[in-house]
Amino acid sequence: VTDYFQFNFLHSFIYTFYMIHFTTLNLVLTRITIIINLFYNYDIYIIYKRLLLYDDDSGGGGGGGSIVLLE
C-alpha cells in the first residue's frame, strides 16, 4: 500500500510539473507567434507601436511615438 501511495504522489507531482512547464512553453510560443505576426502585418505593427509608445516620456521614444501617431 505504501509503495502505491508513493508512486501515486510522484506521478501526480511529475504531471503537475509537466503541465506547468507546458503552459509556460505555450505562452512563450504564443508570444513569439504574435511578434512574427506583427512583422508580417504592418497595420497591426503600427497599432502595436502606438500602444507601446503612447505614454513614453523619453526624448527619442516620444518623438518616434508622435510620428507614429500622426501616420
N, C-alpha and C. Protein backbone atom coordinates (compact mmCIF):
# COMPACT_ATOMS: atom_id res chain seq x y z
N VAL A 1 0.85 -1.20 0.00
CA VAL A 1 0.00 0.00 0.00
C VAL A 1 0.88 1.25 0.00
N THR A 2 1.94 1.25 0.79
CA THR A 2 2.80 2.44 0.87
C THR A 2 3.46 2.73 -0.48
N ASP A 3 3.90 1.68 -1.14
CA ASP A 3 4.53 1.88 -2.44
C ASP A 3 3.56 2.48 -3.44
N TYR A 4 2.31 2.03 -3.38
CA TYR A 4 1.31 2.56 -4.31
C TYR A 4 1.09 4.05 -4.06
N PHE A 5 0.96 4.44 -2.78
CA PHE A 5 0.73 5.85 -2.48
C PHE A 5 1.94 6.70 -2.88
N GLN A 6 3.13 6.16 -2.63
CA GLN A 6 4.34 6.88 -3.01
C GLN A 6 4.39 7.07 -4.53
N PHE A 7 4.09 6.04 -5.25
CA PHE A 7 4.10 6.14 -6.71
C PHE A 7 3.05 7.13 -7.19
N ASN A 8 1.88 7.08 -6.57
CA ASN A 8 0.80 7.98 -6.97
C ASN A 8 1.21 9.44 -6.74
N PHE A 9 1.82 9.71 -5.59
CA PHE A 9 2.26 11.08 -5.29
C PHE A 9 3.31 11.54 -6.30
N LEU A 10 4.28 10.68 -6.57
CA LEU A 10 5.33 11.04 -7.52
C LEU A 10 4.75 11.29 -8.91
N HIS A 11 3.83 10.44 -9.30
CA HIS A 11 3.22 10.58 -10.63
C HIS A 11 2.47 11.90 -10.73
N SER A 12 1.68 12.24 -9.71
CA SER A 12 0.93 13.50 -9.76
C SER A 12 1.88 14.70 -9.74
N PHE A 13 2.97 14.59 -8.98
CA PHE A 13 3.94 15.69 -8.95
C PHE A 13 4.57 15.90 -10.32
N ILE A 14 4.97 14.81 -10.95
CA ILE A 14 5.58 14.92 -12.28
C ILE A 14 4.56 15.47 -13.28
N TYR A 15 3.32 15.02 -13.17
CA TYR A 15 2.29 15.50 -14.09
C TYR A 15 2.05 17.00 -13.90
N THR A 16 1.99 17.45 -12.63
CA THR A 16 1.77 18.87 -12.38
C THR A 16 2.93 19.70 -12.91
N PHE A 17 4.15 19.25 -12.66
CA PHE A 17 5.33 19.96 -13.16
C PHE A 17 5.31 20.03 -14.68
N TYR A 18 4.93 18.91 -15.32
CA TYR A 18 4.89 18.89 -16.78
C TYR A 18 3.84 19.87 -17.30
N MET A 19 2.68 19.90 -16.65
CA MET A 19 1.63 20.80 -17.11
C MET A 19 2.04 22.26 -16.94
N ILE A 20 2.68 22.58 -15.81
CA ILE A 20 3.14 23.96 -15.63
C ILE A 20 4.18 24.32 -16.69
N HIS A 21 5.12 23.42 -16.91
CA HIS A 21 6.15 23.66 -17.92
C HIS A 21 5.53 23.80 -19.31
N PHE A 22 4.57 22.96 -19.61
CA PHE A 22 3.92 23.03 -20.92
C PHE A 22 3.17 24.35 -21.09
N THR A 23 2.53 24.83 -20.00
CA THR A 23 1.80 26.09 -20.10
C THR A 23 2.74 27.26 -20.36
N THR A 24 3.87 27.30 -19.64
CA THR A 24 4.81 28.39 -19.87
C THR A 24 5.39 28.31 -21.28
N LEU A 25 5.69 27.11 -21.74
CA LEU A 25 6.19 26.96 -23.11
C LEU A 25 5.14 27.43 -24.11
N ASN A 26 3.88 27.12 -23.84
CA ASN A 26 2.80 27.56 -24.72
C ASN A 26 2.72 29.08 -24.75
N LEU A 27 2.86 29.73 -23.59
CA LEU A 27 2.82 31.19 -23.55
C LEU A 27 3.98 31.79 -24.33
N VAL A 28 5.16 31.21 -24.19
CA VAL A 28 6.32 31.72 -24.93
C VAL A 28 6.11 31.57 -26.43
N LEU A 29 5.58 30.42 -26.85
CA LEU A 29 5.32 30.21 -28.27
C LEU A 29 4.27 31.18 -28.78
N THR A 30 3.24 31.46 -27.96
CA THR A 30 2.22 32.42 -28.37
C THR A 30 2.83 33.80 -28.54
N ARG A 31 3.71 34.18 -27.61
CA ARG A 31 4.35 35.49 -27.71
C ARG A 31 5.21 35.59 -28.97
N ILE A 32 5.95 34.52 -29.27
CA ILE A 32 6.78 34.51 -30.48
C ILE A 32 5.90 34.61 -31.72
N THR A 33 4.77 33.90 -31.72
CA THR A 33 3.85 33.96 -32.87
C THR A 33 3.29 35.37 -33.03
N ILE A 34 2.96 36.03 -31.92
CA ILE A 34 2.44 37.40 -32.00
C ILE A 34 3.50 38.33 -32.59
N ILE A 35 4.75 38.16 -32.16
CA ILE A 35 5.82 39.02 -32.69
C ILE A 35 6.00 38.78 -34.18
N ILE A 36 5.97 37.53 -34.60
CA ILE A 36 6.10 37.22 -36.03
C ILE A 36 4.95 37.83 -36.82
N ASN A 37 3.72 37.73 -36.26
CA ASN A 37 2.57 38.32 -36.93
C ASN A 37 2.69 39.83 -37.02
N LEU A 38 3.28 40.46 -36.01
CA LEU A 38 3.48 41.91 -36.06
C LEU A 38 4.41 42.29 -37.21
N PHE A 39 5.44 41.50 -37.43
CA PHE A 39 6.36 41.82 -38.52
C PHE A 39 5.70 41.60 -39.88
N TYR A 40 4.82 40.61 -39.99
CA TYR A 40 4.21 40.33 -41.28
C TYR A 40 3.00 41.22 -41.55
N ASN A 41 2.35 41.72 -40.48
CA ASN A 41 1.16 42.53 -40.66
C ASN A 41 1.49 43.95 -40.22
N TYR A 42 1.69 44.84 -41.18
CA TYR A 42 2.23 46.16 -40.86
C TYR A 42 1.22 47.02 -40.12
N ASP A 43 -0.08 46.88 -40.44
CA ASP A 43 -1.10 47.68 -39.76
C ASP A 43 -1.14 47.35 -38.27
N ILE A 44 -1.11 46.05 -37.95
CA ILE A 44 -1.10 45.66 -36.55
C ILE A 44 0.19 46.15 -35.89
N TYR A 45 1.28 46.18 -36.65
CA TYR A 45 2.55 46.63 -36.09
C TYR A 45 2.48 48.12 -35.73
N ILE A 46 1.83 48.92 -36.58
CA ILE A 46 1.68 50.35 -36.27
C ILE A 46 0.81 50.53 -35.03
N ILE A 47 -0.29 49.77 -34.95
CA ILE A 47 -1.15 49.86 -33.76
C ILE A 47 -0.37 49.45 -32.52
N TYR A 48 0.43 48.41 -32.65
CA TYR A 48 1.22 47.94 -31.51
C TYR A 48 2.23 49.00 -31.08
N LYS A 49 2.86 49.68 -32.05
CA LYS A 49 3.80 50.73 -31.70
C LYS A 49 3.07 51.91 -31.07
N ARG A 50 1.86 52.21 -31.52
CA ARG A 50 1.09 53.27 -30.87
C ARG A 50 0.85 52.93 -29.40
N LEU A 51 0.41 51.69 -29.15
CA LEU A 51 0.16 51.28 -27.78
C LEU A 51 1.46 51.30 -26.98
N LEU A 52 2.56 50.91 -27.62
CA LEU A 52 3.83 50.80 -26.91
C LEU A 52 4.40 52.18 -26.59
N LEU A 53 4.31 53.13 -27.52
CA LEU A 53 4.97 54.41 -27.37
C LEU A 53 4.01 55.51 -26.95
N TYR A 54 2.78 55.15 -26.55
CA TYR A 54 1.79 56.18 -26.26
C TYR A 54 2.19 57.00 -25.03
N ASP A 55 2.60 56.32 -23.96
CA ASP A 55 2.99 57.03 -22.74
C ASP A 55 4.49 56.91 -22.53
N ASP A 56 5.25 57.11 -23.59
CA ASP A 56 6.70 57.09 -23.48
C ASP A 56 7.19 58.53 -23.32
N ASP A 57 7.84 58.83 -22.19
CA ASP A 57 8.24 60.20 -21.88
C ASP A 57 9.66 60.51 -22.30
N SER A 58 10.39 59.52 -22.78
CA SER A 58 11.78 59.79 -23.18
C SER A 58 11.80 60.58 -24.49
N GLY A 59 12.95 61.26 -24.74
CA GLY A 59 13.02 62.17 -25.88
C GLY A 59 12.85 61.47 -27.21
N GLY A 60 13.73 60.51 -27.51
CA GLY A 60 13.67 59.85 -28.80
C GLY A 60 12.41 59.02 -28.95
N GLY A 61 12.06 58.30 -27.89
CA GLY A 61 10.87 57.46 -27.97
C GLY A 61 9.61 58.28 -28.11
N GLY A 62 9.56 59.43 -27.39
CA GLY A 62 8.39 60.28 -27.50
C GLY A 62 8.24 60.84 -28.90
N GLY A 63 9.37 61.26 -29.50
CA GLY A 63 9.32 61.78 -30.86
C GLY A 63 8.86 60.71 -31.84
N GLY A 64 9.43 59.52 -31.71
CA GLY A 64 9.01 58.44 -32.59
C GLY A 64 7.55 58.10 -32.39
N GLY A 65 7.10 58.16 -31.14
CA GLY A 65 5.70 57.87 -30.87
C GLY A 65 4.78 58.88 -31.53
N SER A 66 5.16 60.17 -31.47
CA SER A 66 4.31 61.18 -32.10
C SER A 66 4.29 61.00 -33.61
N ILE A 67 5.43 60.62 -34.19
CA ILE A 67 5.46 60.39 -35.64
C ILE A 67 4.54 59.23 -36.00
N VAL A 68 4.59 58.17 -35.21
CA VAL A 68 3.73 57.02 -35.50
C VAL A 68 2.27 57.41 -35.33
N LEU A 69 1.97 58.24 -34.32
CA LEU A 69 0.58 58.62 -34.09
C LEU A 69 0.05 59.49 -35.23
N LEU A 70 0.93 60.26 -35.87
CA LEU A 70 0.46 61.14 -36.94
C LEU A 70 0.17 60.39 -38.22
N GLU A 71 0.71 59.20 -38.37
CA GLU A 71 0.56 58.48 -39.63
C GLU A 71 -0.90 58.07 -39.86
